[in-house]
Protein backbone atom coordinates (compact mmCIF):
# COMPACT_ATOMS: atom_id res chain seq x y z
CA MET A 1 61.88 137.04 51.87
CA GLN A 2 65.16 137.84 50.27
CA PRO A 3 66.45 141.25 51.39
CA ARG A 4 67.01 142.35 47.76
CA PRO A 5 65.11 142.02 44.46
CA PRO A 6 63.57 139.78 43.23
CA TYR A 7 62.41 139.25 46.89
CA ARG A 8 61.84 135.50 46.61
CA LEU A 9 60.17 133.80 49.55
CA LEU A 10 62.67 131.81 51.60
CA ALA A 11 60.33 130.33 54.20
CA THR A 12 56.67 130.00 55.07
CA SER A 13 54.57 129.00 58.07
CA GLY A 14 51.31 127.23 58.60
CA GLU A 15 48.13 129.24 59.04
CA PHE A 16 47.80 131.66 61.92
CA CYS A 17 44.83 131.10 64.18
CA ILE A 18 43.32 134.37 65.28
CA GLY A 19 41.16 133.17 68.14
CA ALA A 20 37.56 134.20 68.61
CA GLN A 21 36.77 136.59 71.44
CA HIS A 22 34.74 133.92 73.29
CA ASP A 23 37.28 131.09 72.73
CA ALA A 24 40.96 131.63 71.86
CA ASN A 25 41.17 128.08 70.41
CA ASP A 26 38.33 128.75 67.95
CA CYS A 27 39.84 130.28 64.79
CA GLU A 28 37.71 132.98 63.22
CA SER A 29 36.35 131.98 59.79
CA VAL A 30 37.44 135.23 58.08
CA GLN A 31 40.81 136.53 59.26
CA PHE A 32 43.69 138.37 57.66
CA VAL A 33 46.89 140.07 58.74
CA SER A 34 47.05 143.45 57.02
CA GLY A 35 50.24 144.87 58.50
CA ILE A 36 53.39 143.89 60.35
CA ALA A 37 56.05 146.06 61.99
CA PRO A 38 58.63 145.76 64.76
CA SER A 39 57.36 147.11 68.06
CA TRP A 40 59.17 150.10 69.49
CA ALA A 41 62.28 149.49 71.61
CA PRO A 42 64.55 152.14 73.12
CA ALA A 43 67.90 152.50 71.32
CA PRO A 44 70.23 150.63 71.18
CA GLN A 45 68.00 147.63 71.99
CA ALA A 46 66.48 145.64 69.17
CA SER A 47 62.76 144.97 69.26
CA THR A 48 61.81 141.49 70.43
CA GLU A 49 58.18 141.72 69.31
CA LEU A 50 56.22 142.37 66.15
CA LEU A 51 52.99 144.33 65.96
CA LEU A 52 50.36 142.69 63.74
CA SER A 53 47.33 144.58 62.52
CA TYR A 54 44.57 142.22 61.49
CA GLY A 55 40.93 141.96 60.60
CA ILE A 56 38.31 139.59 61.97
CA ASN A 57 35.20 138.55 60.03
CA ASP A 58 35.45 141.69 57.88
CA CYS A 59 33.94 143.54 60.87
CA GLU A 60 36.71 144.35 63.35
CA ALA A 61 40.27 145.67 63.21
CA LYS A 62 42.75 144.79 65.94
CA VAL A 63 46.45 145.00 66.77
CA ALA A 64 48.42 142.30 68.60
CA ARG A 65 52.00 141.73 69.73
CA ILE A 66 53.80 138.50 68.93
CA PRO A 67 57.36 137.58 69.99
CA ILE A 68 59.77 137.56 67.04
CA ALA A 69 61.24 134.29 68.38
CA GLN A 70 57.79 132.67 68.07
CA VAL A 71 57.55 133.79 64.43
CA TRP A 72 61.04 132.43 63.62
CA GLY A 73 60.03 129.12 65.25
CA MET A 74 56.98 128.85 62.97
CA LEU A 75 58.93 129.32 59.72
CA ARG A 76 59.88 126.36 57.53
CA PRO A 77 62.34 126.76 54.62
CA LEU A 78 60.89 126.38 51.16
CA ASP A 79 62.34 123.63 48.94
CA GLY A 80 65.76 124.53 47.64
CA GLU A 81 66.38 127.31 50.17
CA VAL A 82 68.94 126.86 52.92
CA GLY A 83 69.64 130.17 54.64
CA VAL A 84 67.43 132.79 56.17
CA CYS A 85 69.15 135.53 54.16
CA GLU A 86 71.55 135.32 51.28
């Protein structure tokens, strides 16, 4: 997203697969990420992970860590956009 209004999307990724408890390669049929935040890192270090809060099958709530580098690697620029931030 752009860092300032109108907050246009600059890039997108494919779908996340939140794996089932019995098989990590089996994507749950109902899944959604409800929150995202940098994980805590002691100053002056920058966080290298994101915390994702998500729901599974409208029954469970969970939190997971994902490396920021992995997220950047998943992003693909949208047509007409060239930089990560303007």
